[in-house]
Amino acid sequence: MGAGAKHKLVFVDRLLATLVSLRHGATHDVLACWFGVDRSTTTRAIGEVRPLLAERGCTVAPGLRLRTLAEVIDHLGADGQTGIVDGTEVRVRRPAAGRKDRDKFISGKNKQNAVKSMVVTDAEGRLLFCSPAEAASCADITHARKLGLVKLLANGPAVEILADAGYQGLGAQTGGRVITPPHRKFKKDPPEWYEEMHERQRKAHSSRRIRVEHGIGHLKNWRALARHHGRREHMSDIIQAIAELLSHQQTATMNSGART
């Protein structure tokens, strides 16, 4: 404590520079001109404040934050709420030519260089958790297993988790706690009654799960997640910092609406 060069920006200015960078995607050169300092000063400030925001976790109530997936599952189980899970991707710079891991960031879905994060919301679409970034070549179901979702649901409280077809298979591993769209039992020449029933069930599931798409849409409104041109190793802090700020805003809005 106290070692190193003294800060040229007070903490409030460092926090403001970080918020502007995350919300509007302003470059460090622009922020340096704004505050009248060198570019390296703004880079240092953002590099110090951004991890602090990421570590705060998602705010679900005044004084209550969820920092890990285990805390999210316990919170949903304690309140008897339904959770919704989905993956989202953020485009990033392509690794330099010749690197052995150059292809691991290519998304199998979008065929673009990206990283992905697993997002968990409640039934109303309020953010509860955003995972650290993972290379986009990792399948959604594999990512969920790496994060320990299967073990947490199998050994934890009885929680209903809605997911899309990318997570089919987790239901059997979690005792039916992960609910995915129904499988098609007839691949060729299905009866007309079955087509109508399957479509009705699929739409019913989609209408319940759509809230997570709204939550992801609010995340992507932050310019830093539209497309990332900086270092890929910062993406985990960026995603989780934005999730913390957005969840805090959602909680504050909900509380102000309740008071009025």
Protein backbone atom coordinates (compact mmCIF):
# COMPACT_ATOMS: atom_id res chain seq x y z
CA MET A 1 0.00 0.00 0.00
CA GLY A 2 1.36 3.39 -0.96
CA ALA A 3 3.99 2.03 -3.35
CA GLY A 4 4.24 3.05 -7.00
CA ALA A 5 3.45 6.28 -8.78
CA LYS A 6 0.83 8.57 -7.28
CA HIS A 7 -2.55 8.72 -9.01
CA LYS A 8 -3.17 11.77 -11.18
CA LEU A 9 -6.92 11.11 -11.04
CA VAL A 10 -8.94 10.93 -7.85
CA PHE A 11 -10.98 7.78 -7.34
CA VAL A 12 -14.24 9.38 -8.52
CA ASP A 13 -12.61 10.35 -11.82
CA ARG A 14 -11.13 6.88 -12.23
CA LEU A 15 -14.55 5.35 -11.62
CA LEU A 16 -16.18 7.76 -14.06
CA ALA A 17 -13.63 6.96 -16.76
CA THR A 18 -14.31 3.25 -16.30
CA LEU A 19 -18.08 3.70 -16.49
CA VAL A 20 -17.83 5.78 -19.68
CA SER A 21 -15.53 3.19 -21.22
CA LEU A 22 -17.94 0.35 -20.44
CA ARG A 23 -21.17 2.14 -21.30
CA HIS A 24 -20.16 4.07 -24.42
CA GLY A 25 -17.01 2.29 -25.57
CA ALA A 26 -14.93 5.47 -25.48
CA THR A 27 -11.28 4.82 -26.27
CA HIS A 28 -8.57 5.51 -23.72
CA ASP A 29 -7.22 8.31 -25.94
CA VAL A 30 -10.59 10.11 -25.83
CA LEU A 31 -10.83 9.69 -22.07
CA ALA A 32 -7.28 10.99 -21.66
CA CYS A 33 -8.20 14.16 -23.59
CA TRP A 34 -11.35 14.52 -21.51
CA PHE A 35 -9.52 14.38 -18.18
CA GLY A 36 -6.38 16.12 -19.41
CA VAL A 37 -4.00 13.27 -18.65
CA ASP A 38 -1.87 10.78 -20.57
CA ARG A 39 -3.41 7.73 -22.20
CA SER A 40 -1.41 5.46 -19.90
CA THR A 41 -3.06 7.14 -16.91
CA THR A 42 -6.58 6.27 -18.09
CA THR A 43 -5.47 2.75 -19.01
CA ARG A 44 -4.06 2.26 -15.52
CA ALA A 45 -7.20 3.71 -13.91
CA ILE A 46 -9.59 1.48 -15.86
CA GLY A 47 -7.40 -1.55 -15.25
CA GLU A 48 -7.64 -0.96 -11.49
CA VAL A 49 -11.35 -0.13 -11.21
CA ARG A 50 -12.81 -2.67 -13.64
CA PRO A 51 -11.87 -5.77 -11.55
CA LEU A 52 -13.34 -4.10 -8.45
CA LEU A 53 -16.69 -3.75 -10.23
CA ALA A 54 -16.52 -7.35 -11.49
CA GLU A 55 -15.93 -8.71 -7.97
CA ARG A 56 -19.04 -7.06 -6.52
CA GLY A 57 -21.43 -9.61 -8.02
CA CYS A 58 -25.02 -9.09 -9.17
CA THR A 59 -27.28 -7.06 -6.88
CA VAL A 60 -30.65 -8.71 -6.23
CA ALA A 61 -31.72 -6.64 -3.21
CA PRO A 62 -30.26 -3.76 -1.17
CA GLY A 63 -27.23 -5.21 0.59
CA LEU A 64 -27.56 -8.63 -1.11
CA ARG A 65 -25.24 -9.62 -3.97
CA LEU A 66 -24.71 -12.95 -5.71
CA ARG A 67 -21.12 -13.60 -6.71
CA THR A 68 -21.02 -17.31 -7.57
CA LEU A 69 -23.26 -19.79 -9.35
CA ALA A 70 -23.72 -21.70 -6.09
CA GLU A 71 -25.10 -18.58 -4.42
CA VAL A 72 -27.51 -18.12 -7.34
CA ILE A 73 -28.85 -21.67 -7.04
CA ASP A 74 -29.29 -21.28 -3.28
CA HIS A 75 -31.07 -17.96 -3.77
CA LEU A 76 -33.48 -19.42 -6.32
CA GLY A 77 -34.13 -22.46 -4.13
CA ALA A 78 -34.74 -20.41 -0.99
CA ASP A 79 -37.33 -18.20 -2.70
CA GLY A 80 -38.85 -20.95 -4.87
CA GLN A 81 -38.07 -19.01 -8.04
CA THR A 82 -37.51 -20.22 -11.58
CA GLY A 83 -34.16 -19.51 -13.20
CA ILE A 84 -33.44 -19.11 -16.89
CA VAL A 85 -30.04 -19.87 -18.40
CA ASP A 86 -28.57 -19.06 -21.81
CA GLY A 87 -25.25 -18.35 -23.45
CA THR A 88 -24.26 -15.12 -25.18
CA GLU A 89 -21.30 -14.33 -27.40
CA VAL A 90 -19.18 -11.20 -27.83
CA ARG A 91 -17.01 -10.70 -30.88
CA VAL A 92 -13.28 -10.24 -30.18
CA ARG A 93 -10.09 -9.72 -32.13
CA ARG A 94 -8.71 -12.72 -33.99
CA PRO A 95 -5.52 -14.16 -32.46
CA ALA A 96 -2.33 -13.46 -34.36
CA ALA A 97 -1.30 -15.76 -37.20
CA GLY A 98 0.78 -18.73 -36.12
CA ARG A 99 -0.69 -19.09 -32.65
CA LYS A 100 -1.66 -22.67 -31.88
CA ASP A 101 -4.94 -21.66 -30.26
CA ARG A 102 -6.01 -19.37 -33.10
CA ASP A 103 -9.09 -21.43 -34.01
CA LYS A 104 -10.48 -21.97 -30.52
CA PHE A 105 -12.25 -18.60 -30.50
CA ILE A 106 -14.24 -19.35 -33.67
CA SER A 107 -17.92 -19.75 -32.83
CA GLY A 108 -19.58 -22.82 -34.30
CA LYS A 109 -22.85 -20.91 -34.50
CA ASN A 110 -21.81 -17.53 -35.91
CA LYS A 111 -18.49 -18.52 -37.55
CA GLN A 112 -16.84 -15.49 -35.95
CA ASN A 113 -14.08 -14.99 -33.41
CA ALA A 114 -15.83 -14.54 -30.09
CA VAL A 115 -15.96 -15.37 -26.40
CA LYS A 116 -19.08 -16.56 -24.61
CA SER A 117 -20.59 -16.19 -21.17
CA MET A 118 -23.39 -18.10 -19.45
CA VAL A 119 -26.13 -15.77 -18.23
CA VAL A 120 -28.64 -16.66 -15.51
CA THR A 121 -31.75 -14.55 -14.88
CA ASP A 122 -34.88 -15.00 -12.82
CA ALA A 123 -38.34 -15.47 -14.36
CA GLU A 124 -38.65 -11.68 -14.81
CA GLY A 125 -35.39 -11.35 -16.70
CA ARG A 126 -33.38 -9.75 -13.87
CA LEU A 127 -29.69 -10.61 -14.03
CA LEU A 128 -28.45 -12.97 -11.35
CA PHE A 129 -25.14 -14.22 -12.74
CA CYS A 130 -22.73 -13.85 -15.65
CA SER A 131 -19.92 -16.36 -15.89
CA PRO A 132 -16.30 -15.56 -16.79
CA ALA A 133 -15.62 -15.53 -20.51
CA GLU A 134 -14.91 -18.78 -22.33
CA ALA A 135 -13.67 -19.32 -25.90
CA ALA A 136 -16.68 -19.46 -28.25
CA SER A 137 -15.75 -22.88 -29.64
CA CYS A 138 -16.91 -24.37 -26.33
CA ALA A 139 -20.49 -25.69 -26.58
CA ASP A 140 -23.12 -24.20 -24.27
CA ILE A 141 -23.74 -27.51 -22.50
CA THR A 142 -20.00 -28.09 -22.03
CA HIS A 143 -19.59 -24.61 -20.61
CA ALA A 144 -22.41 -25.24 -18.13
CA ARG A 145 -20.77 -28.46 -16.98
CA LYS A 146 -17.41 -26.71 -16.54
CA LEU A 147 -19.08 -24.13 -14.32
CA GLY A 148 -20.48 -26.93 -12.13
CA LEU A 149 -24.16 -26.35 -12.91
CA VAL A 150 -24.95 -30.09 -13.04
CA LYS A 151 -23.40 -30.82 -9.66
CA LEU A 152 -25.03 -27.80 -8.02
CA LEU A 153 -28.49 -28.77 -9.26
CA ALA A 154 -28.10 -32.48 -8.53
CA ASN A 155 -26.93 -31.91 -4.96
CA GLY A 156 -28.63 -28.62 -4.17
CA PRO A 157 -32.17 -27.36 -3.62
CA ALA A 158 -35.04 -28.20 -5.94
CA VAL A 159 -34.82 -25.46 -8.56
CA GLU A 160 -36.50 -25.21 -11.96
CA ILE A 161 -34.10 -23.99 -14.66
CA LEU A 162 -35.36 -23.18 -18.15
CA ALA A 163 -32.92 -23.56 -21.04
CA ASP A 164 -32.90 -23.79 -24.83
CA ALA A 165 -32.10 -26.79 -27.02
CA GLY A 166 -28.36 -26.22 -26.59
CA TYR A 167 -28.64 -27.63 -23.06
CA GLN A 168 -30.62 -30.77 -23.92
CA GLY A 169 -29.19 -33.63 -21.90
CA LEU A 170 -28.80 -31.71 -18.65
CA GLY A 171 -32.34 -32.60 -17.62
CA ALA A 172 -31.47 -36.28 -17.25
CA GLN A 173 -28.29 -35.42 -15.34
CA THR A 174 -30.05 -33.11 -12.87
CA GLY A 175 -33.18 -35.10 -12.10
CA GLY A 176 -35.35 -33.05 -14.45
CA ARG A 177 -34.44 -29.69 -12.93
CA VAL A 178 -33.21 -28.32 -16.25
CA ILE A 179 -36.18 -28.04 -18.63
CA THR A 180 -35.46 -27.81 -22.35
CA PRO A 181 -37.73 -27.77 -25.42
CA PRO A 182 -39.44 -31.13 -26.11
CA HIS A 183 -37.72 -33.62 -28.41
CA ARG A 184 -39.31 -34.58 -31.70
CA LYS A 185 -40.40 -38.20 -31.48
CA PHE A 186 -41.28 -38.48 -35.18
CA LYS A 187 -38.53 -37.52 -37.59
CA LYS A 188 -40.39 -38.58 -40.73
CA ASP A 189 -44.07 -38.28 -41.60
CA PRO A 190 -45.31 -37.18 -38.14
CA PRO A 191 -49.06 -37.30 -37.51
CA GLU A 192 -50.86 -34.00 -37.81
CA TRP A 193 -51.98 -34.09 -34.17
CA TYR A 194 -48.37 -34.54 -33.06
CA GLU A 195 -47.17 -31.55 -35.07
CA GLU A 196 -49.80 -29.34 -33.45
CA MET A 197 -49.00 -30.60 -29.95
CA HIS A 198 -45.23 -30.26 -30.43
CA GLU A 199 -45.55 -26.72 -31.76
CA ARG A 200 -47.82 -25.76 -28.86
CA GLN A 201 -45.37 -27.15 -26.30
CA ARG A 202 -42.40 -25.50 -28.00
CA LYS A 203 -44.09 -22.08 -28.03
CA ALA A 204 -45.14 -22.43 -24.39
CA HIS A 205 -41.54 -23.15 -23.38
CA SER A 206 -40.20 -20.32 -25.55
CA SER A 207 -42.63 -17.80 -24.08
CA ARG A 208 -41.39 -18.64 -20.56
CA ARG A 209 -37.71 -18.59 -21.56
CA ILE A 210 -37.80 -15.35 -23.58
CA ARG A 211 -37.03 -13.25 -20.49
CA VAL A 212 -33.39 -14.28 -20.54
CA GLU A 213 -33.12 -12.89 -24.08
CA HIS A 214 -34.38 -9.56 -22.75
CA GLY A 215 -31.73 -9.65 -20.03
CA ILE A 216 -29.00 -10.38 -22.58
CA GLY A 217 -30.34 -7.58 -24.76
CA HIS A 218 -29.90 -5.11 -21.90
CA LEU A 219 -26.32 -6.35 -21.49
CA LYS A 220 -25.56 -5.84 -25.17
CA ASN A 221 -26.81 -2.25 -24.97
CA TRP A 222 -23.50 -1.48 -23.25
CA ARG A 223 -21.10 -0.56 -26.03
CA ALA A 224 -18.20 -2.53 -24.57
CA LEU A 225 -20.10 -5.75 -25.34
CA ALA A 226 -21.12 -4.81 -28.88
CA ARG A 227 -17.68 -5.80 -30.13
CA HIS A 228 -14.44 -5.88 -28.17
CA HIS A 229 -11.29 -4.58 -29.85
CA GLY A 230 -8.97 -4.82 -26.85
CA ARG A 231 -7.28 -7.67 -25.05
CA ARG A 232 -9.33 -10.87 -24.81
CA GLU A 233 -8.05 -11.60 -21.30
CA HIS A 234 -10.01 -8.59 -20.02
CA MET A 235 -13.36 -9.92 -21.25
CA SER A 236 -14.25 -11.76 -18.04
CA ASP A 237 -13.89 -8.57 -15.99
CA ILE A 238 -15.76 -6.52 -18.59
CA ILE A 239 -18.74 -8.88 -18.79
CA GLN A 240 -19.04 -9.31 -15.03
CA ALA A 241 -18.55 -5.60 -14.31
CA ILE A 242 -21.35 -4.68 -16.73
CA ALA A 243 -23.59 -7.38 -15.24
CA GLU A 244 -23.01 -5.93 -11.77
CA LEU A 245 -23.81 -2.39 -12.89
CA LEU A 246 -26.90 -3.47 -14.82
CA SER A 247 -28.24 -5.61 -11.97
CA HIS A 248 -27.74 -2.72 -9.55
CA GLN A 249 -29.69 -0.45 -11.91
CA GLN A 250 -32.50 -3.03 -12.25
CA THR A 251 -32.77 -3.42 -8.47
CA ALA A 252 -32.81 0.33 -7.89
CA THR A 253 -35.51 0.77 -10.56
CA MET A 254 -37.63 -1.99 -9.06
CA ASN A 255 -37.35 -0.56 -5.55
CA SER A 256 -38.22 2.97 -6.68
CA GLY A 257 -41.25 1.63 -8.53
CA ALA A 258 -42.39 -0.26 -5.45
CA ARG A 259 -42.15 2.88 -3.30
CA THR A 260 -44.23 4.92 -5.74
